[in-house]
Protein backbone atom coordinates (compact mmCIF):
# COMPACT_ATOMS: atom_id res chain seq x y z
CA MET A 1 0.00 0.00 0.00
CA LYS A 2 1.06 3.56 -0.64
CA PHE A 3 0.91 6.21 2.11
CA LYS A 4 1.47 9.94 2.36
CA VAL A 5 4.09 10.97 4.94
CA LYS A 6 3.15 13.19 7.87
CA LEU A 7 6.14 14.29 9.94
CA LEU A 8 5.18 14.18 13.63
CA GLY A 9 8.16 16.10 15.00
CA VAL A 10 8.47 13.62 17.86
CA GLU A 11 11.44 11.52 18.98
CA SER A 12 10.80 7.91 19.97
CA GLY A 13 13.96 7.33 22.00
CA GLY A 14 15.89 5.63 19.22
CA LYS A 15 13.31 3.11 18.02
CA PRO A 16 11.70 3.34 14.54
CA PHE A 17 8.01 4.09 15.18
CA VAL A 18 5.23 5.12 12.83
CA THR A 19 1.50 5.70 13.28
CA LEU A 20 -1.39 4.43 11.18
CA SER A 21 -5.14 4.94 11.39
CA LYS A 22 -7.23 2.08 12.72
CA ASP A 23 -8.78 1.55 9.28
CA ASP A 24 -5.38 1.31 7.57
CA SER A 25 -3.95 -1.01 10.23
CA GLU A 26 -6.97 -3.33 9.87
CA GLU A 27 -6.60 -3.35 6.10
CA LEU A 28 -2.93 -4.29 6.45
CA GLY A 29 -3.89 -6.88 9.05
CA ILE A 30 -1.70 -5.62 11.91
CA LYS A 31 -2.23 -4.28 15.41
CA SER A 32 -0.30 -1.94 17.68
CA SER A 33 3.32 -3.14 18.11
CA GLY A 34 3.06 -4.88 14.74
CA ARG A 35 5.73 -4.17 12.17
CA VAL A 36 5.70 -2.64 8.71
CA ARG A 37 8.34 -2.59 6.01
CA ILE A 38 8.87 0.92 4.62
CA GLN A 39 10.66 1.63 1.38
CA SER A 40 11.83 5.03 0.20
CA ASP A 41 14.07 5.15 -2.87
CA SER A 42 16.75 2.51 -2.26
CA LYS A 43 16.41 2.41 1.55
CA ILE A 44 14.27 -0.06 3.48
CA LEU A 45 13.37 0.09 7.17
CA THR A 46 11.30 -2.06 9.49
CA ALA A 47 9.22 0.08 11.86
CA ILE A 48 6.93 -0.60 14.81
CA VAL A 49 3.33 0.61 14.45
CA ASN A 50 1.27 2.65 16.88
CA VAL A 51 -2.42 2.56 15.93
CA LEU A 52 -4.40 5.80 16.29
CA THR A 53 -7.97 5.10 17.38
CA LYS A 54 -9.29 8.64 16.92
CA THR A 55 -10.40 9.88 13.51
CA VAL A 56 -7.35 10.02 11.26
CA PRO A 57 -7.47 10.31 7.46
CA LYS A 58 -6.83 7.06 5.65
CA GLY A 59 -3.63 6.81 3.65
CA ILE A 60 -1.57 8.87 6.11
CA ILE A 61 1.50 7.45 7.91
CA GLY A 62 2.78 9.43 10.87
CA VAL A 63 6.56 9.33 11.02
CA TYR A 64 8.75 9.79 14.11
CA ASP A 65 12.06 11.66 13.82
CA GLU A 66 14.20 8.51 13.79
CA VAL A 67 12.37 7.10 10.75
CA LYS A 68 12.42 10.49 9.03
CA SER A 69 16.20 10.77 9.45
CA TYR A 70 17.02 7.22 8.36
CA LEU A 71 14.87 7.30 5.23
CA ASN A 72 15.36 11.03 4.54
CA LEU A 73 11.59 11.58 4.38
CA LYS A 74 9.82 14.87 3.73
CA GLU A 75 6.30 16.04 4.44
CA GLY A 76 3.82 14.80 1.86
CA MET A 77 6.09 12.20 0.24
CA ILE A 78 4.46 9.02 -1.02
CA ILE A 79 6.09 5.82 0.25
CA GLU A 80 5.44 2.09 -0.07
CA VAL A 81 4.39 0.28 3.13
CA ASP A 82 3.91 -3.49 3.54
CA VAL A 83 3.54 -5.88 6.43
CA ALA A 84 6.92 -7.00 7.76
CA LYS A 85 7.81 -10.34 9.26
CA PHE A 86 8.47 -10.50 12.98
CA PRO A 87 12.22 -10.72 13.66
CA THR A 88 13.62 -14.21 14.25
CA SER A 89 15.13 -12.94 17.51
CA LEU A 90 11.62 -13.08 18.99
CA GLN A 91 11.72 -16.87 18.81
CA TYR A 92 15.08 -16.85 20.57
CA ILE A 93 13.61 -14.71 23.36
CA LYS A 94 10.79 -17.23 23.70
CA ASN A 95 13.38 -20.00 23.97
CA LYS A 96 15.08 -18.15 26.82
CA LEU A 97 11.74 -17.68 28.56
CA LYS A 98 11.42 -21.48 28.47
CA GLY A 99 14.79 -21.81 30.21
CA ARG A 100 16.89 -22.79 27.23
CA ALA A 101 20.49 -21.66 26.83
CA LEU A 102 21.12 -19.43 23.81
CA THR A 103 23.83 -19.80 21.17
CA ASP A 104 26.26 -17.08 20.06
CA GLU A 105 24.24 -16.50 16.88
CA GLU A 106 20.92 -16.26 18.73
CA ILE A 107 22.28 -13.76 21.25
CA PHE A 108 23.82 -11.66 18.49
CA GLU A 109 20.47 -11.49 16.68
CA ILE A 110 18.71 -10.35 19.85
CA VAL A 111 21.29 -7.65 20.58
CA LYS A 112 21.40 -6.48 16.95
CA ASP A 113 17.61 -6.20 16.76
CA THR A 114 17.63 -4.35 20.09
CA VAL A 115 20.12 -1.77 18.82
CA GLU A 116 18.45 -1.40 15.42
CA GLY A 117 15.04 -0.81 17.03
CA ASN A 118 13.43 -3.94 15.63
CA LEU A 119 12.20 -5.05 19.07
CA SER A 120 9.53 -3.27 21.09
CA GLU A 121 10.02 -2.38 24.76
CA ILE A 122 7.73 -5.26 25.75
CA GLU A 123 9.86 -7.73 23.79
CA ILE A 124 13.13 -6.37 25.22
CA ALA A 125 11.61 -6.44 28.72
CA SER A 126 10.72 -10.10 28.17
CA PHE A 127 14.36 -10.84 27.34
CA VAL A 128 15.72 -8.96 30.36
CA THR A 129 13.25 -10.57 32.78
CA ALA A 130 14.03 -14.00 31.30
CA LEU A 131 17.72 -13.44 32.03
CA ASN A 132 16.82 -12.38 35.56
CA SER A 133 14.54 -15.35 36.30
CA VAL A 134 16.27 -18.11 34.32
CA GLY A 135 19.81 -16.78 34.64
CA LEU A 136 22.65 -16.80 32.14
CA ASN A 137 25.78 -18.91 32.14
CA LEU A 138 29.26 -17.55 31.50
CA PHE A 139 29.17 -18.64 27.85
CA GLU A 140 25.99 -16.61 27.33
CA ALA A 141 27.52 -13.70 29.26
CA ALA A 142 30.57 -13.78 26.98
CA SER A 143 28.33 -13.93 23.90
CA LEU A 144 26.28 -10.99 25.18
CA ALA A 145 29.38 -8.92 25.89
CA THR A 146 30.82 -9.70 22.45
CA ALA A 147 27.53 -8.87 20.71
CA MET A 148 27.26 -5.57 22.61
CA VAL A 149 30.75 -4.61 21.44
CA GLU A 150 30.18 -5.64 17.81
CA THR A 151 26.95 -3.62 17.55
CA GLY A 152 28.56 -0.40 18.80
CA LYS A 153 31.60 1.79 18.24
CA ARG A 154 35.08 0.83 19.43
CA LEU A 155 38.12 2.75 20.58
CA GLN A 156 41.25 1.78 18.63
CA LEU A 157 44.35 2.99 20.49
CA ASN A 158 46.90 0.49 19.11
CA LYS A 159 48.55 0.14 22.51
CA LYS A 160 49.99 -3.11 23.82
CA ILE A 161 48.73 -2.33 27.34
CA VAL A 162 45.46 -0.50 28.04
CA ALA A 163 44.60 -0.36 31.74
CA ASP A 164 41.15 0.21 33.17
CA LYS A 165 39.17 0.13 36.39
CA HIS A 166 35.47 -0.19 37.07
CA SER A 167 33.35 -0.15 40.20
CA ILE A 168 30.09 -2.08 40.31
CA GLY A 169 28.69 0.82 42.40
CA GLY A 170 27.06 1.12 45.77
CA CYS A 171 29.75 3.01 47.67
CA VAL A 172 28.61 6.59 48.24
CA GLY A 173 31.06 9.43 47.64
CA ASP A 174 33.50 7.22 45.75
CA LYS A 175 35.82 9.53 43.84
CA THR A 176 38.51 6.87 43.28
CA THR A 177 38.62 7.35 39.50
CA MET A 178 39.41 11.05 39.85
CA LEU A 179 42.73 10.16 41.49
CA LEU A 180 43.42 6.76 39.94
CA VAL A 181 43.43 7.90 36.31
CA PRO A 182 46.13 10.59 36.75
CA ILE A 183 48.24 8.26 38.93
CA ILE A 184 48.20 5.48 36.33
CA ALA A 185 48.69 7.89 33.42
CA SER A 186 51.65 9.52 35.22
CA ALA A 187 53.43 6.16 35.15
CA GLY A 188 53.21 6.10 31.35
CA ILE A 189 50.35 3.59 31.21
CA THR A 190 47.36 4.20 28.93
CA ILE A 191 44.03 4.44 30.80
CA PRO A 192 41.05 5.71 28.73
CA LYS A 193 38.42 5.81 31.48
CA THR A 194 34.84 5.97 30.29
CA SER A 195 32.37 6.50 33.11
CA SER A 196 28.63 6.68 33.64
CA ARG A 197 26.33 9.37 34.89
CA ALA A 198 24.29 8.62 37.99
CA ILE A 199 21.38 6.25 37.55
CA THR A 200 20.37 5.57 41.15
CA SER A 201 23.25 7.30 43.01
CA ALA A 202 23.81 10.93 43.97
CA ALA A 203 26.66 11.35 41.50
CA GLY A 204 28.31 9.17 38.88
CA THR A 205 31.97 9.64 38.02
CA ALA A 206 30.96 11.45 34.83
CA ASP A 207 28.85 13.91 36.86
CA LYS A 208 31.84 14.70 39.10
CA ALA A 209 34.36 15.01 36.28
CA GLU A 210 32.00 17.32 34.37
CA VAL A 211 32.46 19.91 37.12
CA LEU A 212 36.11 20.21 36.06
CA MET A 213 36.00 19.64 32.28
CA PRO A 214 33.86 18.67 29.28
CA ILE A 215 33.22 14.92 29.23
CA ASP A 216 30.99 14.52 26.13
CA LEU A 217 33.91 13.44 23.96
CA ASP A 218 33.60 11.41 20.77
CA VAL A 219 35.95 8.58 19.80
CA GLU A 220 38.32 10.89 17.88
CA GLU A 221 38.51 13.38 20.76
CA ILE A 222 39.23 10.65 23.32
CA THR A 223 41.94 9.23 21.08
CA SER A 224 43.56 12.66 20.83
CA VAL A 225 43.44 13.29 24.59
CA VAL A 226 44.82 9.85 25.43
CA GLU A 227 47.64 10.12 22.87
CA LYS A 228 48.75 13.38 24.52
CA THR A 229 48.22 12.53 28.21
CA ASN A 230 47.88 8.71 28.49
CA GLY A 231 44.48 9.13 30.16
CA CYS A 232 41.03 10.68 30.10
CA ILE A 233 37.75 10.68 32.03
CA ALA A 234 34.84 10.76 29.60
CA TRP A 235 31.13 10.00 29.60
CA GLY A 236 30.59 6.63 27.98
CA GLY A 237 27.08 7.52 26.82
CA ALA A 238 28.41 10.00 24.26
CA LEU A 239 30.54 7.32 22.59
CA LYS A 240 27.85 4.75 21.79
CA LEU A 241 30.06 1.98 23.12
CA ALA A 242 27.93 -1.14 23.66
CA PRO A 243 24.72 0.86 22.95
CA ALA A 244 22.51 -2.16 23.70
CA ASP A 245 23.36 -1.76 27.38
CA ASP A 246 21.83 1.72 27.51
CA ILE A 247 18.61 0.22 26.15
CA PHE A 248 18.68 -2.69 28.61
CA VAL A 249 19.24 -0.28 31.53
CA GLN A 250 15.97 1.51 30.66
CA ILE A 251 14.21 -1.82 31.32
CA GLU A 252 16.26 -2.86 34.35
CA TYR A 253 15.84 0.38 36.29
CA PRO A 254 12.03 0.46 36.75
CA LEU A 255 11.99 -3.29 37.45
CA ALA A 256 14.84 -2.99 40.00
CA ILE A 257 16.76 -5.89 38.46
CA ASP A 258 20.29 -6.10 37.04
CA PRO A 259 20.89 -9.46 35.31
CA LEU A 260 23.23 -7.91 32.73
CA MET A 261 25.78 -6.44 35.12
CA LEU A 262 28.70 -8.72 34.16
CA PRO A 263 28.38 -8.67 30.35
CA SER A 264 27.56 -4.95 30.18
CA ILE A 265 30.55 -3.90 32.32
CA MET A 266 32.98 -6.16 30.49
CA ALA A 267 31.57 -5.19 27.08
CA LYS A 268 32.45 -1.56 27.72
CA LYS A 269 35.95 -2.56 28.83
CA LYS A 270 36.37 -4.58 25.64
CA ALA A 271 35.02 -1.72 23.52
CA VAL A 272 37.76 0.67 24.70
CA GLY A 273 40.41 -1.99 24.07
CA SER A 274 41.23 -2.72 27.72
CA THR A 275 43.86 -5.42 28.24
CA HIS A 276 44.16 -5.22 32.05
CA VAL A 277 41.16 -4.41 34.26
CA VAL A 278 40.54 -4.16 38.00
CA ILE A 279 36.91 -4.51 39.09
CA ASP A 280 36.13 -2.76 42.37
CA ILE A 281 33.50 -4.66 44.37
CA PRO A 282 32.41 -2.62 47.41
CA SER A 283 31.06 -4.96 50.06
CA GLY A 284 28.98 -4.63 53.24
CA ARG A 285 25.74 -3.14 54.48
CA GLY A 286 24.37 -0.51 52.15
CA THR A 287 26.20 -1.85 49.09
CA LYS A 288 25.14 -4.03 46.16
CA VAL A 289 27.11 -7.02 47.52
CA LYS A 290 26.42 -7.62 51.20
CA THR A 291 28.99 -10.28 52.19
CA ILE A 292 32.62 -11.11 51.48
CA GLY A 293 31.51 -14.58 50.35
CA ASP A 294 29.15 -13.14 47.73
CA ALA A 295 31.86 -10.70 46.64
CA ASN A 296 34.30 -13.57 46.09
CA LEU A 297 31.76 -15.46 43.97
CA LEU A 298 31.12 -12.36 41.87
CA ALA A 299 34.87 -11.78 41.52
CA LYS A 300 35.31 -15.33 40.22
CA ASP A 301 32.67 -14.70 37.54
CA PHE A 302 34.31 -11.43 36.47
CA ILE A 303 37.72 -13.12 36.18
CA GLU A 304 36.32 -16.04 34.18
CA LEU A 305 34.39 -13.73 31.87
CA GLY A 306 37.52 -11.64 31.40
CA LYS A 307 39.41 -14.76 30.26
CA LYS A 308 36.74 -15.54 27.68
CA LEU A 309 36.99 -11.98 26.34
CA GLY A 310 40.79 -11.87 26.34
CA ILE A 311 41.00 -9.32 29.18
CA GLU A 312 43.26 -9.97 32.18
CA THR A 313 40.96 -9.24 35.11
CA ARG A 314 41.47 -8.96 38.84
CA CYS A 315 39.03 -7.81 41.50
CA ALA A 316 39.39 -5.63 44.57
CA ILE A 317 36.87 -6.33 47.32
CA THR A 318 36.65 -3.04 49.20
CA TYR A 319 35.01 -1.70 52.34
CA GLY A 320 31.72 -0.04 51.49
CA GLU A 321 29.76 0.45 54.72
CA GLN A 322 30.17 4.24 54.77
CA PRO A 323 30.92 7.00 52.25
CA ILE A 324 34.44 7.43 50.89
CA GLY A 325 35.71 10.78 52.11
CA TYR A 326 33.28 13.34 53.49
CA CYS A 327 31.44 14.69 50.43
CA ILE A 328 28.52 13.40 48.36
CA GLY A 329 27.35 15.25 45.22
CA PRO A 330 29.07 16.28 41.94
CA ALA A 331 30.64 19.63 42.90
CA LEU A 332 31.39 18.65 46.49
CA GLU A 333 33.12 15.45 45.36
CA ALA A 334 35.03 17.17 42.55
CA LYS A 335 36.25 19.77 45.03
CA GLU A 336 37.30 17.12 47.55
CA ALA A 337 39.10 15.08 44.88
CA LEU A 338 40.98 18.20 43.72
CA GLU A 339 41.95 19.03 47.32
CA VAL A 340 43.37 15.54 47.78
CA LEU A 341 45.26 15.71 44.46
CA MET A 342 46.72 19.04 45.58
CA ARG A 343 47.67 17.44 48.93
CA VAL A 344 45.89 20.21 50.86
CA LYS A 345 43.53 17.57 52.29
CA ARG A 346 44.51 14.06 53.33
CA LEU A 347 41.69 11.53 53.41
CA PRO A 348 43.10 8.17 54.59
CA ASP A 349 40.20 6.07 53.27
CA LEU A 350 40.26 7.61 49.78
CA ILE A 351 44.05 7.57 49.48
CA ASP A 352 44.26 3.98 50.74
CA LYS A 353 41.61 2.75 48.29
CA VAL A 354 43.13 4.58 45.32
CA THR A 355 46.68 3.39 45.97
CA ASP A 356 45.51 -0.19 46.60
CA ILE A 357 43.65 -0.38 43.27
CA ALA A 358 46.46 1.45 41.45
CA GLY A 359 48.91 -0.98 43.05
CA ILE A 360 46.95 -3.95 41.70
CA LEU A 361 46.96 -2.45 38.20
CA PHE A 362 50.69 -1.70 38.40
CA GLY A 363 51.37 -5.28 39.45
CA MET A 364 49.30 -6.62 36.55
CA VAL A 365 51.45 -4.74 34.02
CA GLY A 366 54.76 -5.76 35.60
CA LYS A 367 55.60 -2.84 37.91
CA ARG A 368 56.84 -3.85 41.37
CA GLY A 369 55.91 -2.15 44.64
CA GLY A 370 52.69 -0.92 43.08
CA LYS A 371 51.01 0.59 46.12
CA GLN A 372 54.13 2.53 47.13
CA LEU A 373 54.66 3.65 43.54
CA ALA A 374 51.09 5.00 43.50
CA MET A 375 51.67 6.74 46.84
CA ASP A 376 54.90 8.33 45.57
CA ILE A 377 53.21 9.60 42.39
CA TRP A 378 50.44 11.18 44.49
CA SER A 379 52.67 12.68 47.20
CA SER A 380 55.15 14.11 44.66
CA GLY A 381 52.45 16.14 42.91
CA LYS A 382 52.81 14.23 39.63
CA ALA A 383 49.20 13.06 39.82
CA GLU A 384 47.96 16.65 40.24
CA SER A 385 50.03 17.81 37.27
CA LYS A 386 48.73 14.96 35.13
CA MET A 387 45.11 15.67 36.11
CA ARG A 388 45.53 19.33 35.14
CA GLU A 389 47.01 18.19 31.83
CA ILE A 390 43.98 15.96 31.20
CA ILE A 391 41.60 18.78 32.21
CA MET A 392 43.29 21.14 29.74
CA GLU A 393 43.21 18.63 26.85
CA GLN A 394 39.51 17.95 27.49
CA GLY A 395 38.75 21.67 27.32
CA GLY A 396 38.58 22.60 31.01
CA ASN A 397 40.40 25.20 33.12
CA HIS A 398 43.68 23.53 34.07
CA ASP A 399 44.35 26.23 36.70
CA VAL A 400 41.12 25.49 38.56
CA LYS A 401 41.30 25.88 42.35
CA PRO A 402 39.01 24.20 44.89
CA ASP A 403 37.45 27.56 45.80
CA ASP A 404 36.52 28.08 42.13
CA ILE A 405 34.04 25.21 42.36
CA GLU A 406 30.59 26.50 43.25
CA ILE A 407 28.58 24.73 45.92
CA GLY A 408 24.84 25.26 46.45
CA GLU A 409 24.24 28.56 48.24
CA PHE A 410 21.48 27.17 50.47
CA GLY A 411 22.51 24.94 53.36
CA LEU A 412 20.84 22.99 56.14
CA ASP A 413 22.91 21.87 59.14
CA VAL A 414 21.97 18.72 61.06
CA ALA A 415 23.30 18.36 64.60
CA ALA A 416 23.50 15.43 67.01
CA ASP A 417 20.67 15.24 69.54
CA LYS A 418 22.79 13.23 71.99
CA SER A 419 26.41 12.43 72.82
CA GLY A 420 28.22 9.20 72.09
CA TYR A 421 29.85 7.73 69.00
CA LEU A 422 28.81 7.66 65.37
CA LEU A 423 27.76 4.03 65.02
CA TRP A 424 26.56 3.82 61.41
CA ILE A 425 25.78 5.76 58.24
CA ASP A 426 23.02 4.58 55.92
CA ASN A 427 24.54 4.79 52.42
CA TYR A 428 21.18 4.46 50.68
CA LYS A 429 19.59 7.26 52.67
CA ILE A 430 22.56 9.60 52.41
CA SER A 431 22.41 9.17 48.63
CA ASP A 432 18.63 9.72 48.62
CA LEU A 433 19.14 12.82 50.79
CA ALA A 434 21.58 14.29 48.26
CA ARG A 435 19.16 13.50 45.44
CA ALA A 436 16.35 15.22 47.37
CA ALA A 437 18.56 18.32 47.45
CA GLY A 438 18.86 18.22 43.66
CA SER A 439 21.92 16.06 42.98
CA PRO A 440 23.13 15.05 40.41
CA LYS A 441 21.26 17.42 38.05
CA ASP A 442 22.09 20.37 40.27
CA LYS A 443 25.86 20.07 40.40
CA GLY A 444 26.17 22.15 43.58
CA ALA A 445 23.72 20.04 45.57
CA GLY A 446 24.83 17.34 47.98
CA VAL A 447 25.85 16.40 51.50
CA LYS A 448 29.03 17.18 53.43
CA LEU A 449 29.76 14.97 56.44
CA PHE A 450 31.65 16.15 59.51
CA LYS A 451 31.77 12.82 61.34
CA LYS A 452 32.53 9.27 60.20
CA VAL A 453 31.88 5.87 61.81
CA GLY A 454 33.73 5.56 65.13
CA ASP A 455 34.13 9.31 65.71
CA SER A 456 33.12 10.68 69.12
CA VAL A 457 30.11 12.98 69.07
CA LYS A 458 28.87 15.57 71.56
CA LYS A 459 25.28 16.74 71.71
CA GLY A 460 24.91 19.69 69.37
CA ASP A 461 27.87 18.73 67.16
CA ARG A 462 27.24 19.24 63.46
CA LEU A 463 26.91 15.81 61.82
CA PHE A 464 26.41 16.98 58.25
CA THR A 465 25.26 19.84 56.04
CA VAL A 466 22.93 19.47 53.08
CA TYR A 467 23.54 21.93 50.22
CA ALA A 468 21.05 22.92 47.53
CA GLU A 469 21.04 25.35 44.61
CA LYS A 470 17.36 26.13 45.11
CA SER A 471 15.82 26.97 48.49
CA ARG A 472 12.59 25.08 47.72
CA LYS A 473 14.58 21.85 47.50
CA LEU A 474 15.64 22.26 51.11
CA GLU A 475 11.97 21.83 51.99
CA ARG A 476 12.14 18.37 50.39
CA VAL A 477 15.25 17.73 52.48
CA ARG A 478 13.52 18.77 55.71
CA LYS A 479 10.58 16.50 54.96
CA PHE A 480 12.96 13.64 54.16
CA LEU A 481 14.80 14.11 57.48
CA GLU A 482 11.51 14.14 59.40
CA GLU A 483 10.77 10.65 58.07
CA GLU A 484 14.23 9.05 57.88
CA ILE A 485 17.25 8.59 60.14
CA VAL A 486 20.44 8.62 58.04
CA ILE A 487 23.09 8.53 60.79
CA GLY A 488 23.08 6.61 64.08
CA VAL A 489 24.67 8.02 67.25
CA GLY A 490 24.89 6.14 70.56
CA ASP A 491 27.18 5.49 73.52
CA ARG A 492 27.57 1.81 72.56
CA MET A 493 26.64 -0.60 69.82
CA GLU A 494 22.88 -0.90 70.00
CA MET A 495 21.52 -4.41 69.50
CA LEU A 496 17.95 -3.43 68.58
CA ILE A 497 17.82 -2.40 64.94
CA GLU A 498 14.07 -1.84 64.59
CA GLU A 499 10.77 -2.84 66.19
CA VAL A 500 8.15 -4.08 63.70
CA ARG A 501 4.54 -3.93 64.93
CA GLU A 502 2.76 -4.60 61.67
CA LYS A 503 3.53 -5.71 58.17
CA PRO A 504 6.02 -3.07 57.06
CA LEU A 505 5.72 -1.14 53.83
CA THR A 506 9.32 -0.61 52.80
CA LYS A 507 11.00 1.00 49.87
CA ARG A 508 13.35 -1.48 48.25
CA ALA A 509 16.82 -0.04 47.86
CA PHE A 510 18.27 -0.69 44.42
CA ILE A 511 21.68 0.15 43.01
CA LEU A 512 22.14 0.28 39.25
CA GLU A 513 25.35 1.90 38.07
CA ARG A 514 27.43 1.28 34.97
């Protein structure tokens, strides 16, 4: 059938969608979420149909921006539209729903159709939930990672050694990457760090780095920066590395599931050409991995998957039961990281974690005394100089000072209502508190701690300050603090955690970071 094009001026989020009237869809014999094959000149595209039930003229096809761009359509053009076959990947998804293991070819078809927009959100959700309920073995994980890499862009640095580090997330205030990259790069080792923005946390590494420099670099820009400095800190989303993962995350987040953690993380390492990777697995209460035993099992899977992908992989199981450093939020964390790089502030937990992970990476590439080497690079000022070099090459102000970084002008102090010791900090709630203040969208919003676990506390001592860029957001913070306790103070370890008098209605904490 022939149809006249009507440009809708609407984006569909990357998928090829069109609209048809109910009469036209019935004549073609398809329903909503059915597929049509569209031909314009020499180009052919399969698109997903939305059926309009209100009165719409027959013979009109509404076209979303993605379809318009791909087929180079113009208002009023006449195009040929036929019913398209359902993709074969749908049968493979059904097989997974039945508990069957998938082959390399089947997984590639699913990932390719996901990236090309040939699968609807319902169909992709079925695949993700099948992986969550049925599980995936390491062979499937390797196939998924490989398919994600092959359907996206890749960074070609032509280096024998490319180092990398990745945290699975869950440790609040973790600014390790901000120090690790310049330390590793200062030793002459290539480390092209691509990082994520916050998904469920108060600030992703990309959000923090963006305070100091542009991070939306393309492949050519990253290559240039790395060739000049040995390192970079860029937002992975701008590169379209393993783009299927960004689509899968949109399904995982509302369902609070993360079955693709291993293949998605390792796919992005493979896509930047990493040869040696350290995976940081924060462990403990308030993290994604609660016990050392579970962390060891996860580490084993990462190492095995790394072998299948040709990446030498080691894991660092780290302490994650309280924030790293004292600041949570993009600007606050960027400022704290810069202060530590400049050696004007010494944070034992941050420095220890950074030098431990750097030491592991150094050992993997044949450098002895790795932790001490990392400490020497930091204490000598070489890491600061290298970070300023990276900032300059990425288009930032290489002379930036900590006081140049703007923090939210509105603040709310929270003081202790009794004396004792700081017994615990709830990582989830501290992160939620920073988000209530506007983080990560508002770069200056966040939380600054003045006490850490084990510190003595006197009644009236300031425990933390919440910063916001907008005064109205402090009202959200006050309401949050009326309902939640984020820090525990007592004169001894208290055995009673909570009294439950009725079936509790609880908010499930969920960490999803890439």
